[in-house]
Amino acid sequence: MASTEDRLRKLISENLEVDGQPISADLDFSTSLSEIGVSSMDLVSFVGVIQDEFNVNFNPEDCDQPLKLATLVELLDANAA
C-alpha cells in the first residue's frame, strides 16, 4: 500500500490547480497549499476529498490555520492509528 505522503501527493496532483495548472506531485512538503497559491475555496473542497480518501474527519480547529503538508501527513497517520 502507498504511504500517506504518496497518497496525498497523488490527490493533490489530481485535484488541485494553481493558475489553471496542475500542482506537481513532487512539491515540497515543508510548505502549505495556501503558500503555493491554492485558493481558500479549493482548500475547503480538498479537505472533503482528503476526508473521503482517508476516511477521517477534521475538526474546525485542525483547519483554522495553514497546515504544512508534512503536518497534514502526521495528522492523517495519527487518525489512521
PDB file of N, CA and C in Angstrom:
ATOM      1  N   MET A   1       0.843  -1.189   0.000  1.00  0.00           N
ATOM      2  CA  MET A   1       0.000   0.000   0.000  1.00  0.00           C
ATOM      3  C   MET A   1       0.886   1.249   0.000  1.00  0.00           C
ATOM      4  N   ALA A   2       0.451   2.252  -0.701  1.00  0.00           N
ATOM      5  CA  ALA A   2       1.204   3.504  -0.795  1.00  0.00           C
ATOM      6  C   ALA A   2       1.215   4.217   0.557  1.00  0.00           C
ATOM      7  N   SER A   3       2.280   4.956   0.812  1.00  0.00           N
ATOM      8  CA  SER A   3       2.387   5.719   2.054  1.00  0.00           C
ATOM      9  C   SER A   3       1.370   6.863   2.046  1.00  0.00           C
ATOM     10  N   THR A   4       1.114   7.394   3.218  1.00  0.00           N
ATOM     11  CA  THR A   4       0.205   8.535   3.330  1.00  0.00           C
ATOM     12  C   THR A   4       0.698   9.691   2.470  1.00  0.00           C
ATOM     13  N   GLU A   5       2.001   9.952   2.509  1.00  0.00           N
ATOM     14  CA  GLU A   5       2.551  11.050   1.713  1.00  0.00           C
ATOM     15  C   GLU A   5       2.345  10.807   0.224  1.00  0.00           C
ATOM     16  N   ASP A   6       2.579   9.579  -0.232  1.00  0.00           N
ATOM     17  CA  ASP A   6       2.379   9.269  -1.651  1.00  0.00           C
ATOM     18  C   ASP A   6       0.916   9.429  -2.054  1.00  0.00           C
ATOM     19  N   ARG A   7       0.016   8.960  -1.208  1.00  0.00           N
ATOM     20  CA  ARG A   7      -1.411   9.092  -1.494  1.00  0.00           C
ATOM     21  C   ARG A   7      -1.822  10.560  -1.545  1.00  0.00           C
ATOM     22  N   LEU A   8      -1.287  11.355  -0.615  1.00  0.00           N
ATOM     23  CA  LEU A   8      -1.613  12.777  -0.587  1.00  0.00           C
ATOM     24  C   LEU A   8      -1.046  13.489  -1.812  1.00  0.00           C
ATOM     25  N   ARG A   9       0.159  13.146  -2.209  1.00  0.00           N
ATOM     26  CA  ARG A   9       0.754  13.732  -3.418  1.00  0.00           C
ATOM     27  C   ARG A   9      -0.135  13.461  -4.637  1.00  0.00           C
ATOM     28  N   LYS A  10      -0.619  12.231  -4.741  1.00  0.00           N
ATOM     29  CA  LYS A  10      -1.478  11.860  -5.872  1.00  0.00           C
ATOM     30  C   LYS A  10      -2.781  12.661  -5.841  1.00  0.00           C
ATOM     31  N   LEU A  11      -3.390  12.769  -4.666  1.00  0.00           N
ATOM     32  CA  LEU A  11      -4.631  13.541  -4.545  1.00  0.00           C
ATOM     33  C   LEU A  11      -4.422  15.004  -4.919  1.00  0.00           C
ATOM     34  N   ILE A  12      -3.310  15.565  -4.483  1.00  0.00           N
ATOM     35  CA  ILE A  12      -3.017  16.965  -4.799  1.00  0.00           C
ATOM     36  C   ILE A  12      -2.879  17.146  -6.301  1.00  0.00           C
ATOM     37  N   SER A  13      -2.095  16.284  -6.931  1.00  0.00           N
ATOM     38  CA  SER A  13      -1.860  16.447  -8.372  1.00  0.00           C
ATOM     39  C   SER A  13      -3.119  16.190  -9.193  1.00  0.00           C
ATOM     40  N   GLU A  14      -4.036  15.371  -8.689  1.00  0.00           N
ATOM     41  CA  GLU A  14      -5.265  15.057  -9.419  1.00  0.00           C
ATOM     42  C   GLU A  14      -6.399  16.054  -9.161  1.00  0.00           C
ATOM     43  N   ASN A  15      -6.337  16.770  -8.035  1.00  0.00           N
ATOM     44  CA  ASN A  15      -7.491  17.577  -7.631  1.00  0.00           C
ATOM     45  C   ASN A  15      -7.258  19.073  -7.513  1.00  0.00           C
ATOM     46  N   LEU A  16      -6.016  19.512  -7.498  1.00  0.00           N
ATOM     47  CA  LEU A  16      -5.754  20.928  -7.267  1.00  0.00           C
ATOM     48  C   LEU A  16      -4.969  21.556  -8.408  1.00  0.00           C
ATOM     49  N   GLU A  17      -5.223  22.847  -8.613  1.00  0.00           N
ATOM     50  CA  GLU A  17      -4.512  23.624  -9.629  1.00  0.00           C
ATOM     51  C   GLU A  17      -4.162  24.989  -9.048  1.00  0.00           C
ATOM     52  N   VAL A  18      -3.131  25.585  -9.608  1.00  0.00           N
ATOM     53  CA  VAL A  18      -2.779  26.972  -9.321  1.00  0.00           C
ATOM     54  C   VAL A  18      -2.652  27.668 -10.666  1.00  0.00           C
ATOM     55  N   ASP A  19      -3.408  28.728 -10.847  1.00  0.00           N
ATOM     56  CA  ASP A  19      -3.422  29.466 -12.118  1.00  0.00           C
ATOM     57  C   ASP A  19      -3.712  28.555 -13.309  1.00  0.00           C
ATOM     58  N   GLY A  20      -4.637  27.610 -13.114  1.00  0.00           N
ATOM     59  CA  GLY A  20      -5.043  26.719 -14.192  1.00  0.00           C
ATOM     60  C   GLY A  20      -4.081  25.591 -14.497  1.00  0.00           C
ATOM     61  N   GLN A  21      -3.011  25.486 -13.733  1.00  0.00           N
ATOM     62  CA  GLN A  21      -2.021  24.430 -13.955  1.00  0.00           C
ATOM     63  C   GLN A  21      -2.061  23.436 -12.802  1.00  0.00           C
ATOM     64  N   PRO A  22      -2.010  22.129 -13.109  1.00  0.00           N
ATOM     65  CA  PRO A  22      -1.977  21.138 -12.034  1.00  0.00           C
ATOM     66  C   PRO A  22      -0.736  21.330 -11.169  1.00  0.00           C
ATOM     67  N   ILE A  23      -0.860  20.970  -9.915  1.00  0.00           N
ATOM     68  CA  ILE A  23       0.272  21.052  -8.994  1.00  0.00           C
ATOM     69  C   ILE A  23       1.100  19.789  -9.144  1.00  0.00           C
ATOM     70  N   SER A  24       2.379  19.957  -9.276  1.00  0.00           N
ATOM     71  CA  SER A  24       3.290  18.833  -9.440  1.00  0.00           C
ATOM     72  C   SER A  24       3.276  17.947  -8.202  1.00  0.00           C
ATOM     73  N   ALA A  25       3.339  16.644  -8.410  1.00  0.00           N
ATOM     74  CA  ALA A  25       3.354  15.696  -7.302  1.00  0.00           C
ATOM     75  C   ALA A  25       4.658  15.743  -6.518  1.00  0.00           C
ATOM     76  N   ASP A  26       5.676  16.408  -7.049  1.00  0.00           N
ATOM     77  CA  ASP A  26       6.951  16.452  -6.330  1.00  0.00           C
ATOM     78  C   ASP A  26       7.122  17.730  -5.501  1.00  0.00           C
ATOM     79  N   LEU A  27       6.009  18.330  -5.061  1.00  0.00           N
ATOM     80  CA  LEU A  27       6.097  19.559  -4.294  1.00  0.00           C
ATOM     81  C   LEU A  27       6.728  19.337  -2.923  1.00  0.00           C
ATOM     82  N   ASP A  28       7.231  20.409  -2.360  1.00  0.00           N
ATOM     83  CA  ASP A  28       7.920  20.408  -1.072  1.00  0.00           C
ATOM     84  C   ASP A  28       6.895  20.324   0.057  1.00  0.00           C
ATOM     85  N   PHE A  29       6.987  19.289   0.884  1.00  0.00           N
ATOM     86  CA  PHE A  29       6.013  19.096   1.948  1.00  0.00           C
ATOM     87  C   PHE A  29       6.282  19.962   3.174  1.00  0.00           C
ATOM     88  N   SER A  30       7.292  20.828   3.117  1.00  0.00           N
ATOM     89  CA  SER A  30       7.509  21.765   4.222  1.00  0.00           C
ATOM     90  C   SER A  30       6.719  23.053   4.003  1.00  0.00           C
ATOM     91  N   THR A  31       5.923  23.115   2.941  1.00  0.00           N
ATOM     92  CA  THR A  31       5.068  24.268   2.660  1.00  0.00           C
ATOM     93  C   THR A  31       3.605  23.882   2.854  1.00  0.00           C
ATOM     94  N   SER A  32       2.756  24.882   2.872  1.00  0.00           N
ATOM     95  CA  SER A  32       1.314  24.624   2.914  1.00  0.00           C
ATOM     96  C   SER A  32       0.747  24.860   1.519  1.00  0.00           C
ATOM     97  N   LEU A  33      -0.436  24.325   1.278  1.00  0.00           N
ATOM     98  CA  LEU A  33      -1.065  24.525  -0.026  1.00  0.00           C
ATOM     99  C   LEU A  33      -1.382  25.995  -0.269  1.00  0.00           C
ATOM    100  N   SER A  34      -1.743  26.721   0.771  1.00  0.00           N
ATOM    101  CA  SER A  34      -2.023  28.150   0.578  1.00  0.00           C
ATOM    102  C   SER A  34      -0.756  28.916   0.213  1.00  0.00           C
ATOM    103  N   GLU A  35       0.393  28.476   0.715  1.00  0.00           N
ATOM    104  CA  GLU A  35       1.658  29.141   0.381  1.00  0.00           C
ATOM    105  C   GLU A  35       2.025  28.977  -1.091  1.00  0.00           C
ATOM    106  N   ILE A  36       1.567  27.902  -1.717  1.00  0.00           N
ATOM    107  CA  ILE A  36       1.895  27.717  -3.134  1.00  0.00           C
ATOM    108  C   ILE A  36       0.807  28.260  -4.053  1.00  0.00           C
ATOM    109  N   GLY A  37      -0.239  28.857  -3.452  1.00  0.00           N
ATOM    110  CA  GLY A  37      -1.219  29.560  -4.260  1.00  0.00           C
ATOM    111  C   GLY A  37      -2.576  28.910  -4.413  1.00  0.00           C
ATOM    112  N   VAL A  38      -2.866  27.858  -3.673  1.00  0.00           N
ATOM    113  CA  VAL A  38      -4.190  27.231  -3.748  1.00  0.00           C
ATOM    114  C   VAL A  38      -5.190  28.143  -3.035  1.00  0.00           C
ATOM    115  N   SER A  39      -6.307  28.416  -3.684  1.00  0.00           N
ATOM    116  CA  SER A  39      -7.309  29.316  -3.107  1.00  0.00           C
ATOM    117  C   SER A  39      -7.994  28.675  -1.904  1.00  0.00           C
ATOM    118  N   SER A  40      -8.547  29.521  -1.046  1.00  0.00           N
ATOM    119  CA  SER A  40      -9.236  29.017   0.141  1.00  0.00           C
ATOM    120  C   SER A  40     -10.458  28.187  -0.241  1.00  0.00           C
ATOM    121  N   MET A  41     -11.137  28.547  -1.318  1.00  0.00           N
ATOM    122  CA  MET A  41     -12.291  27.758  -1.783  1.00  0.00           C
ATOM    123  C   MET A  41     -11.847  26.358  -2.206  1.00  0.00           C
ATOM    124  N   ASP A  42     -10.746  26.291  -2.939  1.00  0.00           N
ATOM    125  CA  ASP A  42     -10.232  24.987  -3.361  1.00  0.00           C
ATOM    126  C   ASP A  42      -9.763  24.168  -2.166  1.00  0.00           C
ATOM    127  N   LEU A  43      -9.194  24.836  -1.163  1.00  0.00           N
ATOM    128  CA  LEU A  43      -8.753  24.124   0.038  1.00  0.00           C
ATOM    129  C   LEU A  43      -9.931  23.494   0.771  1.00  0.00           C
ATOM    130  N   VAL A  44     -11.035  24.229   0.862  1.00  0.00           N
ATOM    131  CA  VAL A  44     -12.231  23.696   1.527  1.00  0.00           C
ATOM    132  C   VAL A  44     -12.718  22.444   0.801  1.00  0.00           C
ATOM    133  N   SER A  45     -12.774  22.498  -0.517  1.00  0.00           N
ATOM    134  CA  SER A  45     -13.186  21.327  -1.296  1.00  0.00           C
ATOM    135  C   SER A  45     -12.207  20.178  -1.122  1.00  0.00           C
ATOM    136  N   PHE A  46     -10.923  20.504  -1.088  1.00  0.00           N
ATOM    137  CA  PHE A  46      -9.900  19.472  -0.983  1.00  0.00           C
ATOM    138  C   PHE A  46      -9.944  18.764   0.369  1.00  0.00           C
ATOM    139  N   VAL A  47     -10.331  19.470   1.421  1.00  0.00           N
ATOM    140  CA  VAL A  47     -10.485  18.828   2.728  1.00  0.00           C
ATOM    141  C   VAL A  47     -11.508  17.697   2.622  1.00  0.00           C
ATOM    142  N   GLY A  48     -12.589  17.920   1.879  1.00  0.00           N
ATOM    143  CA  GLY A  48     -13.582  16.865   1.665  1.00  0.00           C
ATOM    144  C   GLY A  48     -12.999  15.674   0.931  1.00  0.00           C
ATOM    145  N   VAL A  49     -12.162  15.929  -0.061  1.00  0.00           N
ATOM    146  CA  VAL A  49     -11.500  14.848  -0.801  1.00  0.00           C
ATOM    147  C   VAL A  49     -10.612  14.043   0.143  1.00  0.00           C
ATOM    148  N   ILE A  50      -9.856  14.741   0.985  1.00  0.00           N
ATOM    149  CA  ILE A  50      -8.966  14.066   1.935  1.00  0.00           C
ATOM    150  C   ILE A  50      -9.775  13.227   2.916  1.00  0.00           C
ATOM    151  N   GLN A  51     -10.865  13.805   3.436  1.00  0.00           N
ATOM    152  CA  GLN A  51     -11.697  13.070   4.391  1.00  0.00           C
ATOM    153  C   GLN A  51     -12.254  11.794   3.771  1.00  0.00           C
ATOM    154  N   ASP A  52     -12.690  11.877   2.522  1.00  0.00           N
ATOM    155  CA  ASP A  52     -13.218  10.692   1.840  1.00  0.00           C
ATOM    156  C   ASP A  52     -12.128   9.657   1.588  1.00  0.00           C
ATOM    157  N   GLU A  53     -10.989  10.096   1.094  1.00  0.00           N
ATOM    158  CA  GLU A  53      -9.901   9.181   0.742  1.00  0.00           C
ATOM    159  C   GLU A  53      -9.328   8.470   1.962  1.00  0.00           C
ATOM    160  N   PHE A  54      -9.162   9.199   3.064  1.00  0.00           N
ATOM    161  CA  PHE A  54      -8.510   8.642   4.246  1.00  0.00           C
ATOM    162  C   PHE A  54      -9.507   8.226   5.326  1.00  0.00           C
ATOM    163  N   ASN A  55     -10.797   8.410   5.053  1.00  0.00           N
ATOM    164  CA  ASN A  55     -11.852   8.045   5.995  1.00  0.00           C
ATOM    165  C   ASN A  55     -11.610   8.675   7.370  1.00  0.00           C
ATOM    166  N   VAL A  56     -11.382   9.981   7.365  1.00  0.00           N
ATOM    167  CA  VAL A  56     -11.156  10.742   8.593  1.00  0.00           C
ATOM    168  C   VAL A  56     -12.082  11.950   8.596  1.00  0.00           C
ATOM    169  N   ASN A  57     -12.265  12.520   9.766  1.00  0.00           N
ATOM    170  CA  ASN A  57     -12.992  13.777   9.910  1.00  0.00           C
ATOM    171  C   ASN A  57     -12.080  14.766  10.599  1.00  0.00           C
ATOM    172  N   PHE A  58     -12.047  15.981  10.087  1.00  0.00           N
ATOM    173  CA  PHE A  58     -11.239  17.024  10.692  1.00  0.00           C
ATOM    174  C   PHE A  58     -12.114  17.905  11.561  1.00  0.00           C
ATOM    175  N   ASN A  59     -11.570  18.335  12.676  1.00  0.00           N
ATOM    176  CA  ASN A  59     -12.214  19.346  13.499  1.00  0.00           C
ATOM    177  C   ASN A  59     -11.930  20.703  12.871  1.00  0.00           C
ATOM    178  N   PRO A  60     -12.813  21.665  13.060  1.00  0.00           N
ATOM    179  CA  PRO A  60     -12.530  23.004  12.524  1.00  0.00           C
ATOM    180  C   PRO A  60     -11.186  23.555  13.014  1.00  0.00           C
ATOM    181  N   GLU A  61     -10.807  23.200  14.249  1.00  0.00           N
ATOM    182  CA  GLU A  61      -9.536  23.670  14.793  1.00  0.00           C
ATOM    183  C   GLU A  61      -8.344  23.139  13.994  1.00  0.00           C
ATOM    184  N   ASP A  62      -8.506  21.957  13.388  1.00  0.00           N
ATOM    185  CA  ASP A  62      -7.422  21.378  12.592  1.00  0.00           C
ATOM    186  C   ASP A  62      -7.148  22.197  11.336  1.00  0.00           C
ATOM    187  N   CYS A  63      -8.146  22.925  10.880  1.00  0.00           N
ATOM    188  CA  CYS A  63      -8.048  23.607   9.587  1.00  0.00           C
ATOM    189  C   CYS A  63      -8.090  25.124   9.701  1.00  0.00           C
ATOM    190  N   ASP A  64      -7.964  25.667  10.917  1.00  0.00           N
ATOM    191  CA  ASP A  64      -8.110  27.113  11.052  1.00  0.00           C
ATOM    192  C   ASP A  64      -6.842  27.902  10.756  1.00  0.00           C
ATOM    193  N   GLN A  65      -5.759  27.217  10.474  1.00  0.00           N
ATOM    194  CA  GLN A  65      -4.537  27.892  10.053  1.00  0.00           C
ATOM    195  C   GLN A  65      -3.873  27.054   8.974  1.00  0.00           C
ATOM    196  N   PRO A  66      -3.051  27.668   8.145  1.00  0.00           N
ATOM    197  CA  PRO A  66      -2.402  26.880   7.087  1.00  0.00           C
ATOM    198  C   PRO A  66      -1.519  25.780   7.677  1.00  0.00           C
ATOM    199  N   LEU A  67      -1.803  24.562   7.295  1.00  0.00           N
ATOM    200  CA  LEU A  67      -1.004  23.427   7.745  1.00  0.00           C
ATOM    201  C   LEU A  67       0.083  23.134   6.736  1.00  0.00           C
ATOM    202  N   LYS A  68       1.265  22.895   7.223  1.00  0.00           N
ATOM    203  CA  LYS A  68       2.320  22.393   6.349  1.00  0.00           C
ATOM    204  C   LYS A  68       1.880  21.003   5.899  1.00  0.00           C
ATOM    205  N   LEU A  69       2.221  20.633   4.699  1.00  0.00           N
ATOM    206  CA  LEU A  69       1.817  19.322   4.190  1.00  0.00           C
ATOM    207  C   LEU A  69       2.386  18.202   5.048  1.00  0.00           C
ATOM    208  N   ALA A  70       3.596  18.367   5.558  1.00  0.00           N
ATOM    209  CA  ALA A  70       4.187  17.350   6.432  1.00  0.00           C
ATOM    210  C   ALA A  70       3.352  17.179   7.701  1.00  0.00           C
ATOM    211  N   THR A  71       2.823  18.276   8.239  1.00  0.00           N
ATOM    212  CA  THR A  71       1.964  18.210   9.420  1.00  0.00           C
ATOM    213  C   THR A  71       0.652  17.516   9.086  1.00  0.00           C
ATOM    214  N   LEU A  72       0.130  17.762   7.906  1.00  0.00           N
ATOM    215  CA  LEU A  72      -1.085  17.088   7.462  1.00  0.00           C
ATOM    216  C   LEU A  72      -0.866  15.582   7.382  1.00  0.00           C
ATOM    217  N   VAL A  73       0.278  15.161   6.876  1.00  0.00           N
ATOM    218  CA  VAL A  73       0.601  13.732   6.820  1.00  0.00           C
ATOM    219  C   VAL A  73       0.605  13.153   8.231  1.00  0.00           C
ATOM    220  N   GLU A  74       1.203  13.865   9.184  1.00  0.00           N
ATOM    221  CA  GLU A  74       1.232  13.402  10.576  1.00  0.00           C
ATOM    222  C   GLU A  74      -0.177  13.286  11.144  1.00  0.00           C
ATOM    223  N   LEU A  75      -1.029  14.272  10.864  1.00  0.00           N
ATOM    224  CA  LEU A  75      -2.423  14.228  11.323  1.00  0.00           C
ATOM    225  C   LEU A  75      -3.162  13.026  10.749  1.00  0.00           C
ATOM    226  N   LEU A  76      -2.978  12.790   9.464  1.00  0.00           N
ATOM    227  CA  LEU A  76      -3.644  11.659   8.809  1.00  0.00           C
ATOM    228  C   LEU A  76      -3.154  10.334   9.379  1.00  0.00           C
ATOM    229  N   ASP A  77      -1.851  10.211   9.581  1.00  0.00           N
ATOM    230  CA  ASP A  77      -1.309   8.979  10.157  1.00  0.00           C
ATOM    231  C   ASP A  77      -1.815   8.764  11.577  1.00  0.00           C
ATOM    232  N   ALA A  78      -1.907   9.827  12.360  1.00  0.00           N
ATOM    233  CA  ALA A  78      -2.396   9.719  13.737  1.00  0.00           C
ATOM    234  C   ALA A  78      -3.863   9.305  13.767  1.00  0.00           C
ATOM    235  N   ASN A  79      -4.662   9.807  12.825  1.00  0.00           N
ATOM    236  CA  ASN A  79      -6.077   9.445  12.772  1.00  0.00           C
ATOM    237  C   ASN A  79      -6.296   8.038  12.244  1.00  0.00           C
ATOM    238  N   ALA A  80      -5.326   7.517  11.514  1.00  0.00           N
ATOM    239  CA  ALA A  80      -5.449   6.163  10.970  1.00  0.00           C
ATOM    240  C   ALA A  80      -5.113   5.114  12.014  1.00  0.00           C
ATOM    241  N   ALA A  81      -4.369   5.500  13.036  1.00  0.00           N
ATOM    242  CA  ALA A  81      -3.923   4.534  14.053  1.00  0.00           C
ATOM    243  C   ALA A  81      -5.027   4.185  15.017  1.00  0.00           C
TER     244      ALA A  81
END
